């Protein structure tokens, strides 16, 4: 356990940030699954889900939850799946 006041504060801040990052990662993961399912099934809400997923991934990348290259990779993968499902 930390003895110095600033170290104690950093522990609190780190815990808070970890919770925030975990929530953001979980939300992106859930949206990704929902979007992929919608694309496979060809449901009507797939476009709105795709937009929402892309917005959330950009938001998470700008806040430092994901590295920008990982965000780009996730977006690229889901867009290529969307294009494949549109061809069917």
PDB file of N, CA and C in Angstrom:
ATOM      1  N   UNK A   1       0.839  -1.181   0.000  1.00  0.00           N
ATOM      2  CA  UNK A   1       0.000   0.000   0.000  1.00  0.00           C
ATOM      3  C   UNK A   1       0.880   1.238   0.000  1.00  0.00           C
ATOM      4  N   UNK A   2       0.427   2.235  -0.707  1.00  0.00           N
ATOM      5  CA  UNK A   2       1.198   3.465  -0.834  1.00  0.00           C
ATOM      6  C   UNK A   2       1.137   4.279   0.458  1.00  0.00           C
ATOM      7  N   UNK A   3       2.231   4.961   0.747  1.00  0.00           N
ATOM      8  CA  UNK A   3       2.298   5.821   1.925  1.00  0.00           C
ATOM      9  C   UNK A   3       2.198   7.291   1.554  1.00  0.00           C
ATOM     10  N   UNK A   4       2.642   7.626   0.370  1.00  0.00           N
ATOM     11  CA  UNK A   4       2.667   9.019  -0.064  1.00  0.00           C
ATOM     12  C   UNK A   4       1.292   9.401  -0.608  1.00  0.00           C
ATOM     13  N   UNK A   5       0.878  10.635  -0.295  1.00  0.00           N
ATOM     14  CA  UNK A   5      -0.456  11.099  -0.666  1.00  0.00           C
ATOM     15  C   UNK A   5      -0.689  11.052  -2.174  1.00  0.00           C
ATOM     16  N   UNK A   6       0.291  11.471  -2.940  1.00  0.00           N
ATOM     17  CA  UNK A   6       0.122  11.481  -4.399  1.00  0.00           C
ATOM     18  C   UNK A   6       0.023  10.061  -4.958  1.00  0.00           C
ATOM     19  N   UNK A   7       0.723   9.128  -4.338  1.00  0.00           N
ATOM     20  CA  UNK A   7       0.650   7.732  -4.778  1.00  0.00           C
ATOM     21  C   UNK A   7      -0.724   7.144  -4.471  1.00  0.00           C
ATOM     22  N   UNK A   8      -1.285   7.513  -3.317  1.00  0.00           N
ATOM     23  CA  UNK A   8      -2.634   7.060  -2.975  1.00  0.00           C
ATOM     24  C   UNK A   8      -3.644   7.606  -3.981  1.00  0.00           C
ATOM     25  N   UNK A   9      -3.460   8.857  -4.349  1.00  0.00           N
ATOM     26  CA  UNK A   9      -4.359   9.477  -5.323  1.00  0.00           C
ATOM     27  C   UNK A   9      -4.244   8.779  -6.675  1.00  0.00           C
ATOM     28  N   UNK A  10      -3.036   8.450  -7.076  1.00  0.00           N
ATOM     29  CA  UNK A  10      -2.845   7.762  -8.360  1.00  0.00           C
ATOM     30  C   UNK A  10      -3.526   6.398  -8.361  1.00  0.00           C
ATOM     31  N   UNK A  11      -3.513   5.718  -7.225  1.00  0.00           N
ATOM     32  CA  UNK A  11      -4.189   4.421  -7.127  1.00  0.00           C
ATOM     33  C   UNK A  11      -5.685   4.598  -7.359  1.00  0.00           C
ATOM     34  N   UNK A  12      -6.276   5.628  -6.727  1.00  0.00           N
ATOM     35  CA  UNK A  12      -7.704   5.895  -6.921  1.00  0.00           C
ATOM     36  C   UNK A  12      -8.011   6.221  -8.382  1.00  0.00           C
ATOM     37  N   UNK A  13      -7.180   7.053  -8.967  1.00  0.00           N
ATOM     38  CA  UNK A  13      -7.394   7.465 -10.360  1.00  0.00           C
ATOM     39  C   UNK A  13      -7.264   6.272 -11.292  1.00  0.00           C
ATOM     40  N   UNK A  14      -6.278   5.424 -11.042  1.00  0.00           N
ATOM     41  CA  UNK A  14      -6.077   4.239 -11.877  1.00  0.00           C
ATOM     42  C   UNK A  14      -7.272   3.302 -11.789  1.00  0.00           C
ATOM     43  N   UNK A  15      -7.789   3.099 -10.581  1.00  0.00           N
ATOM     44  CA  UNK A  15      -8.967   2.239 -10.421  1.00  0.00           C
ATOM     45  C   UNK A  15     -10.167   2.812 -11.163  1.00  0.00           C
ATOM     46  N   UNK A  16     -10.355   4.124 -11.053  1.00  0.00           N
ATOM     47  CA  UNK A  16     -11.468   4.780 -11.744  1.00  0.00           C
ATOM     48  C   UNK A  16     -11.336   4.632 -13.257  1.00  0.00           C
ATOM     49  N   UNK A  17     -10.135   4.868 -13.763  1.00  0.00           N
ATOM     50  CA  UNK A  17      -9.910   4.766 -15.203  1.00  0.00           C
ATOM     51  C   UNK A  17     -10.061   3.331 -15.697  1.00  0.00           C
ATOM     52  N   UNK A  18      -9.615   2.365 -14.890  1.00  0.00           N
ATOM     53  CA  UNK A  18      -9.770   0.963 -15.275  1.00  0.00           C
ATOM     54  C   UNK A  18     -11.238   0.587 -15.405  1.00  0.00           C
ATOM     55  N   UNK A  19     -12.070   1.071 -14.492  1.00  0.00           N
ATOM     56  CA  UNK A  19     -13.507   0.797 -14.578  1.00  0.00           C
ATOM     57  C   UNK A  19     -14.111   1.426 -15.832  1.00  0.00           C
ATOM     58  N   UNK A  20     -13.709   2.651 -16.113  1.00  0.00           N
ATOM     59  CA  UNK A  20     -14.232   3.348 -17.289  1.00  0.00           C
ATOM     60  C   UNK A  20     -13.798   2.639 -18.571  1.00  0.00           C
ATOM     61  N   UNK A  21     -12.532   2.239 -18.630  1.00  0.00           N
ATOM     62  CA  UNK A  21     -12.025   1.552 -19.818  1.00  0.00           C
ATOM     63  C   UNK A  21     -12.683   0.191 -19.991  1.00  0.00           C
ATOM     64  N   UNK A  22     -12.898  -0.507 -18.888  1.00  0.00           N
ATOM     65  CA  UNK A  22     -13.537  -1.821 -18.955  1.00  0.00           C
ATOM     66  C   UNK A  22     -14.958  -1.698 -19.496  1.00  0.00           C
ATOM     67  N   UNK A  23     -15.678  -0.682 -19.053  1.00  0.00           N
ATOM     68  CA  UNK A  23     -17.044  -0.464 -19.532  1.00  0.00           C
ATOM     69  C   UNK A  23     -17.046  -0.149 -21.025  1.00  0.00           C
ATOM     70  N   UNK A  24     -16.104   0.668 -21.463  1.00  0.00           N
ATOM     71  CA  UNK A  24     -16.034   1.032 -22.882  1.00  0.00           C
ATOM     72  C   UNK A  24     -15.685  -0.179 -23.735  1.00  0.00           C
ATOM     73  N   UNK A  25     -14.729  -0.995 -23.280  1.00  0.00           N
ATOM     74  CA  UNK A  25     -14.362  -2.206 -24.027  1.00  0.00           C
ATOM     75  C   UNK A  25     -15.536  -3.171 -24.108  1.00  0.00           C
ATOM     76  N   UNK A  26     -16.255  -3.306 -23.007  1.00  0.00           N
ATOM     77  CA  UNK A  26     -17.404  -4.202 -22.974  1.00  0.00           C
ATOM     78  C   UNK A  26     -18.493  -3.729 -23.932  1.00  0.00           C
ATOM     79  N   UNK A  27     -18.732  -2.428 -23.963  1.00  0.00           N
ATOM     80  CA  UNK A  27     -19.755  -1.879 -24.856  1.00  0.00           C
ATOM     81  C   UNK A  27     -19.384  -2.108 -26.314  1.00  0.00           C
ATOM     82  N   UNK A  28     -18.124  -1.896 -26.649  1.00  0.00           N
ATOM     83  CA  UNK A  28     -17.666  -2.111 -28.020  1.00  0.00           C
ATOM     84  C   UNK A  28     -17.803  -3.583 -28.392  1.00  0.00           C
ATOM     85  N   UNK A  29     -17.440  -4.461 -27.467  1.00  0.00           N
ATOM     86  CA  UNK A  29     -17.525  -5.898 -27.720  1.00  0.00           C
ATOM     87  C   UNK A  29     -18.977  -6.320 -27.967  1.00  0.00           C
ATOM     88  N   UNK A  30     -19.892  -5.812 -27.153  1.00  0.00           N
ATOM     89  CA  UNK A  30     -21.307  -6.133 -27.306  1.00  0.00           C
ATOM     90  C   UNK A  30     -21.841  -5.613 -28.631  1.00  0.00           C
ATOM     91  N   UNK A  31     -21.515  -4.364 -28.953  1.00  0.00           N
ATOM     92  CA  UNK A  31     -21.973  -3.784 -30.219  1.00  0.00           C
ATOM     93  C   UNK A  31     -21.410  -4.546 -31.410  1.00  0.00           C
ATOM     94  N   UNK A  32     -20.178  -4.998 -31.283  1.00  0.00           N
ATOM     95  CA  UNK A  32     -19.564  -5.756 -32.376  1.00  0.00           C
ATOM     96  C   UNK A  32     -20.335  -7.049 -32.626  1.00  0.00           C
ATOM     97  N   UNK A  33     -20.651  -7.758 -31.546  1.00  0.00           N
ATOM     98  CA  UNK A  33     -21.404  -9.007 -31.687  1.00  0.00           C
ATOM     99  C   UNK A  33     -22.782  -8.750 -32.281  1.00  0.00           C
ATOM    100  N   UNK A  34     -23.456  -7.717 -31.794  1.00  0.00           N
ATOM    101  CA  UNK A  34     -24.791  -7.395 -32.305  1.00  0.00           C
ATOM    102  C   UNK A  34     -24.740  -7.026 -33.780  1.00  0.00           C
ATOM    103  N   UNK A  35     -23.733  -6.252 -34.164  1.00  0.00           N
ATOM    104  CA  UNK A  35     -23.604  -5.828 -35.557  1.00  0.00           C
ATOM    105  C   UNK A  35     -23.315  -7.019 -36.457  1.00  0.00           C
ATOM    106  N   UNK A  36     -22.408  -7.893 -36.034  1.00  0.00           N
ATOM    107  CA  UNK A  36     -22.088  -9.073 -36.846  1.00  0.00           C
ATOM    108  C   UNK A  36     -23.304  -9.983 -36.995  1.00  0.00           C
ATOM    109  N   UNK A  37     -24.071 -10.152 -35.923  1.00  0.00           N
ATOM    110  CA  UNK A  37     -25.283 -10.970 -36.011  1.00  0.00           C
ATOM    111  C   UNK A  37     -26.294 -10.345 -36.964  1.00  0.00           C
ATOM    112  N   UNK A  38     -26.446  -9.027 -36.878  1.00  0.00           N
ATOM    113  CA  UNK A  38     -27.394  -8.337 -37.756  1.00  0.00           C
ATOM    114  C   UNK A  38     -26.962  -8.448 -39.214  1.00  0.00           C
ATOM    115  N   UNK A  39     -25.658  -8.386 -39.461  1.00  0.00           N
ATOM    116  CA  UNK A  39     -25.161  -8.499 -40.832  1.00  0.00           C
ATOM    117  C   UNK A  39     -25.379  -9.907 -41.376  1.00  0.00           C
ATOM    118  N   UNK A  40     -25.175 -10.910 -40.533  1.00  0.00           N
ATOM    119  CA  UNK A  40     -25.383 -12.289 -40.980  1.00  0.00           C
ATOM    120  C   UNK A  40     -26.853 -12.578 -41.274  1.00  0.00           C
ATOM    121  N   UNK A  41     -27.720 -12.065 -40.405  1.00  0.00           N
ATOM    122  CA  UNK A  41     -29.147 -12.316 -40.572  1.00  0.00           C
ATOM    123  C   UNK A  41     -29.779 -11.391 -41.606  1.00  0.00           C
ATOM    124  N   UNK A  42     -29.120 -10.273 -41.886  1.00  0.00           N
ATOM    125  CA  UNK A  42     -29.666  -9.315 -42.841  1.00  0.00           C
ATOM    126  C   UNK A  42     -30.852  -8.550 -42.283  1.00  0.00           C
ATOM    127  N   UNK A  43     -30.849  -8.300 -40.984  1.00  0.00           N
ATOM    128  CA  UNK A  43     -31.970  -7.600 -40.367  1.00  0.00           C
ATOM    129  C   UNK A  43     -31.971  -6.125 -40.756  1.00  0.00           C
ATOM    130  N   UNK A  44     -33.101  -5.464 -40.504  1.00  0.00           N
ATOM    131  CA  UNK A  44     -33.286  -4.085 -40.951  1.00  0.00           C
ATOM    132  C   UNK A  44     -32.420  -3.085 -40.192  1.00  0.00           C
ATOM    133  N   UNK A  45     -32.135  -3.324 -38.926  1.00  0.00           N
ATOM    134  CA  UNK A  45     -31.396  -2.371 -38.118  1.00  0.00           C
ATOM    135  C   UNK A  45     -29.891  -2.454 -38.257  1.00  0.00           C
ATOM    136  N   UNK A  46     -29.416  -3.158 -39.276  1.00  0.00           N
ATOM    137  CA  UNK A  46     -27.966  -3.364 -39.381  1.00  0.00           C
ATOM    138  C   UNK A  46     -27.210  -2.072 -39.668  1.00  0.00           C
ATOM    139  N   UNK A  47     -27.808  -1.160 -40.431  1.00  0.00           N
ATOM    140  CA  UNK A  47     -27.117   0.090 -40.749  1.00  0.00           C
ATOM    141  C   UNK A  47     -26.953   0.973 -39.517  1.00  0.00           C
ATOM    142  N   UNK A  48     -27.999   1.057 -38.706  1.00  0.00           N
ATOM    143  CA  UNK A  48     -27.900   1.872 -37.498  1.00  0.00           C
ATOM    144  C   UNK A  48     -26.921   1.258 -36.504  1.00  0.00           C
ATOM    145  N   UNK A  49     -26.927  -0.063 -36.406  1.00  0.00           N
ATOM    146  CA  UNK A  49     -25.971  -0.732 -35.518  1.00  0.00           C
ATOM    147  C   UNK A  49     -24.542  -0.506 -35.990  1.00  0.00           C
ATOM    148  N   UNK A  50     -24.348  -0.554 -37.298  1.00  0.00           N
ATOM    149  CA  UNK A  50     -23.012  -0.341 -37.851  1.00  0.00           C
ATOM    150  C   UNK A  50     -22.527   1.071 -37.549  1.00  0.00           C
ATOM    151  N   UNK A  51     -23.390   2.063 -37.744  1.00  0.00           N
ATOM    152  CA  UNK A  51     -23.018   3.450 -37.447  1.00  0.00           C
ATOM    153  C   UNK A  51     -22.693   3.625 -35.967  1.00  0.00           C
ATOM    154  N   UNK A  52     -23.522   3.016 -35.124  1.00  0.00           N
ATOM    155  CA  UNK A  52     -23.309   3.124 -33.684  1.00  0.00           C
ATOM    156  C   UNK A  52     -21.987   2.474 -33.284  1.00  0.00           C
ATOM    157  N   UNK A  53     -21.695   1.306 -33.856  1.00  0.00           N
ATOM    158  CA  UNK A  53     -20.443   0.612 -33.555  1.00  0.00           C
ATOM    159  C   UNK A  53     -19.244   1.452 -33.979  1.00  0.00           C
ATOM    160  N   UNK A  54     -19.303   2.005 -35.189  1.00  0.00           N
ATOM    161  CA  UNK A  54     -18.182   2.807 -35.682  1.00  0.00           C
ATOM    162  C   UNK A  54     -17.977   4.051 -34.822  1.00  0.00           C
ATOM    163  N   UNK A  55     -19.070   4.668 -34.389  1.00  0.00           N
ATOM    164  CA  UNK A  55     -18.959   5.851 -33.532  1.00  0.00           C
ATOM    165  C   UNK A  55     -18.337   5.495 -32.186  1.00  0.00           C
ATOM    166  N   UNK A  56     -18.762   4.379 -31.607  1.00  0.00           N
ATOM    167  CA  UNK A  56     -18.233   3.969 -30.300  1.00  0.00           C
ATOM    168  C   UNK A  56     -16.753   3.597 -30.386  1.00  0.00           C
ATOM    169  N   UNK A  57     -16.364   2.950 -31.463  1.00  0.00           N
ATOM    170  CA  UNK A  57     -14.962   2.549 -31.596  1.00  0.00           C
ATOM    171  C   UNK A  57     -14.079   3.785 -31.782  1.00  0.00           C
ATOM    172  N   UNK A  58     -14.573   4.778 -32.527  1.00  0.00           N
ATOM    173  CA  UNK A  58     -13.820   6.026 -32.682  1.00  0.00           C
ATOM    174  C   UNK A  58     -13.698   6.755 -31.351  1.00  0.00           C
ATOM    175  N   UNK A  59     -14.789   6.775 -30.613  1.00  0.00           N
ATOM    176  CA  UNK A  59     -14.791   7.428 -29.309  1.00  0.00           C
ATOM    177  C   UNK A  59     -13.812   6.751 -28.353  1.00  0.00           C
ATOM    178  N   UNK A  60     -13.826   5.434 -28.338  1.00  0.00           N
ATOM    179  CA  UNK A  60     -12.923   4.688 -27.453  1.00  0.00           C
ATOM    180  C   UNK A  60     -11.466   4.905 -27.851  1.00  0.00           C
ATOM    181  N   UNK A  61     -11.205   4.980 -29.147  1.00  0.00           N
ATOM    182  CA  UNK A  61      -9.830   5.191 -29.606  1.00  0.00           C
ATOM    183  C   UNK A  61      -9.348   6.591 -29.242  1.00  0.00           C
ATOM    184  N   UNK A  62     -10.227   7.577 -29.353  1.00  0.00           N
ATOM    185  CA  UNK A  62      -9.815   8.944 -29.034  1.00  0.00           C
ATOM    186  C   UNK A  62      -9.563   9.121 -27.540  1.00  0.00           C
ATOM    187  N   UNK A  63     -10.229   8.313 -26.714  1.00  0.00           N
ATOM    188  CA  UNK A  63     -10.032   8.393 -25.267  1.00  0.00           C
ATOM    189  C   UNK A  63      -8.887   7.516 -24.783  1.00  0.00           C
ATOM    190  N   UNK A  64      -8.284   6.754 -25.693  1.00  0.00           N
ATOM    191  CA  UNK A  64      -7.138   5.940 -25.316  1.00  0.00           C
ATOM    192  C   UNK A  64      -7.494   4.557 -24.813  1.00  0.00           C
ATOM    193  N   UNK A  65      -8.746   4.156 -24.961  1.00  0.00           N
ATOM    194  CA  UNK A  65      -9.140   2.814 -24.527  1.00  0.00           C
ATOM    195  C   UNK A  65      -8.533   1.785 -25.466  1.00  0.00           C
ATOM    196  N   UNK A  66      -8.576   2.076 -26.763  1.00  0.00           N
ATOM    197  CA  UNK A  66      -7.974   1.231 -27.783  1.00  0.00           C
ATOM    198  C   UNK A  66      -6.894   2.025 -28.501  1.00  0.00           C
ATOM    199  N   UNK A  67      -5.880   1.331 -28.965  1.00  0.00           N
ATOM    200  CA  UNK A  67      -4.891   1.960 -29.827  1.00  0.00           C
ATOM    201  C   UNK A  67      -5.559   2.284 -31.155  1.00  0.00           C
ATOM    202  N   UNK A  68      -5.136   3.360 -31.792  1.00  0.00           N
ATOM    203  CA  UNK A  68      -5.806   3.778 -33.032  1.00  0.00           C
ATOM    204  C   UNK A  68      -5.687   2.732 -34.129  1.00  0.00           C
ATOM    205  N   UNK A  69      -4.595   1.968 -34.143  1.00  0.00           N
ATOM    206  CA  UNK A  69      -4.467   0.919 -35.155  1.00  0.00           C
ATOM    207  C   UNK A  69      -5.451  -0.222 -34.899  1.00  0.00           C
ATOM    208  N   UNK A  70      -5.679  -0.551 -33.637  1.00  0.00           N
ATOM    209  CA  UNK A  70      -6.661  -1.589 -33.323  1.00  0.00           C
ATOM    210  C   UNK A  70      -8.054  -1.122 -33.710  1.00  0.00           C
ATOM    211  N   UNK A  71      -8.347   0.140 -33.435  1.00  0.00           N
ATOM    212  CA  UNK A  71      -9.652   0.684 -33.809  1.00  0.00           C
ATOM    213  C   UNK A  71      -9.834   0.632 -35.321  1.00  0.00           C
ATOM    214  N   UNK A  72      -8.794   0.980 -36.052  1.00  0.00           N
ATOM    215  CA  UNK A  72      -8.866   0.940 -37.517  1.00  0.00           C
ATOM    216  C   UNK A  72      -9.067  -0.489 -38.004  1.00  0.00           C
ATOM    217  N   UNK A  73      -8.401  -1.436 -37.368  1.00  0.00           N
ATOM    218  CA  UNK A  73      -8.539  -2.839 -37.759  1.00  0.00           C
ATOM    219  C   UNK A  73      -9.955  -3.347 -37.499  1.00  0.00           C
ATOM    220  N   UNK A  74     -10.511  -3.018 -36.337  1.00  0.00           N
ATOM    221  CA  UNK A  74     -11.873  -3.440 -36.021  1.00  0.00           C
ATOM    222  C   UNK A  74     -12.873  -2.848 -37.009  1.00  0.00           C
ATOM    223  N   UNK A  75     -12.688  -1.566 -37.316  1.00  0.00           N
ATOM    224  CA  UNK A  75     -13.587  -0.910 -38.269  1.00  0.00           C
ATOM    225  C   UNK A  75     -13.459  -1.525 -39.651  1.00  0.00           C
ATOM    226  N   UNK A  76     -12.251  -1.793 -40.071  1.00  0.00           N
ATOM    227  CA  UNK A  76     -12.020  -2.376 -41.388  1.00  0.00           C
ATOM    228  C   UNK A  76     -12.666  -3.749 -41.498  1.00  0.00           C
ATOM    229  N   UNK A  77     -12.506  -4.563 -40.462  1.00  0.00           N
ATOM    230  CA  UNK A  77     -13.083  -5.908 -40.476  1.00  0.00           C
ATOM    231  C   UNK A  77     -14.602  -5.873 -40.559  1.00  0.00           C
ATOM    232  N   UNK A  78     -15.223  -5.005 -39.781  1.00  0.00           N
ATOM    233  CA  UNK A  78     -16.688  -4.972 -39.765  1.00  0.00           C
ATOM    234  C   UNK A  78     -17.228  -4.380 -41.068  1.00  0.00           C
ATOM    235  N   UNK A  79     -16.514  -3.427 -41.645  1.00  0.00           N
ATOM    236  CA  UNK A  79     -16.961  -2.836 -42.911  1.00  0.00           C
ATOM    237  C   UNK A  79     -16.843  -3.850 -44.038  1.00  0.00           C
ATOM    238  N   UNK A  80     -15.775  -4.647 -44.029  1.00  0.00           N
ATOM    239  CA  UNK A  80     -15.643  -5.670 -45.072  1.00  0.00           C
ATOM    240  C   UNK A  80     -16.746  -6.717 -44.936  1.00  0.00           C
ATOM    241  N   UNK A  81     -17.128  -7.054 -43.700  1.00  0.00           N
ATOM    242  CA  UNK A  81     -18.241  -7.984 -43.499  1.00  0.00           C
ATOM    243  C   UNK A  81     -19.552  -7.368 -43.978  1.00  0.00           C
ATOM    244  N   UNK A  82     -19.704  -6.069 -43.770  1.00  0.00           N
ATOM    245  CA  UNK A  82     -20.922  -5.391 -44.221  1.00  0.00           C
ATOM    246  C   UNK A  82     -21.001  -5.395 -45.741  1.00  0.00           C
ATOM    247  N   UNK A  83     -19.875  -5.181 -46.393  1.00  0.00           N
ATOM    248  CA  UNK A  83     -19.864  -5.192 -47.863  1.00  0.00           C
ATOM    249  C   UNK A  83     -20.171  -6.578 -48.407  1.00  0.00           C
ATOM    250  N   UNK A  84     -19.632  -7.606 -47.753  1.00  0.00           N
ATOM    251  CA  UNK A  84     -19.920  -8.979 -48.187  1.00  0.00           C
ATOM    252  C   UNK A  84     -21.400  -9.307 -48.021  1.00  0.00           C
ATOM    253  N   UNK A  85     -21.984  -8.854 -46.920  1.00  0.00           N
ATOM    254  CA  UNK A  85     -23.404  -9.146 -46.697  1.00  0.00           C
ATOM    255  C   UNK A  85     -24.288  -8.348 -47.650  1.00  0.00           C
ATOM    256  N   UNK A  86     -23.816  -7.186 -48.103  1.00  0.00           N
ATOM    257  CA  UNK A  86     -24.595  -6.376 -49.041  1.00  0.00           C
ATOM    258  C   UNK A  86     -24.615  -7.020 -50.424  1.00  0.00           C
ATOM    259  N   UNK A  87     -23.556  -7.752 -50.769  1.00  0.00           N
ATOM    260  CA  UNK A  87     -23.490  -8.410 -52.078  1.00  0.00           C
ATOM    261  C   UNK A  87     -24.454  -9.582 -52.176  1.00  0.00           C
ATOM    262  N   UNK A  88     -24.769 -10.187 -51.031  1.00  0.00           N
ATOM    263  CA  UNK A  88     -25.627 -11.382 -51.044  1.00  0.00           C
ATOM    264  C   UNK A  88     -27.034 -11.078 -51.424  1.00  0.00           C
TER     265      UNK A  88
END
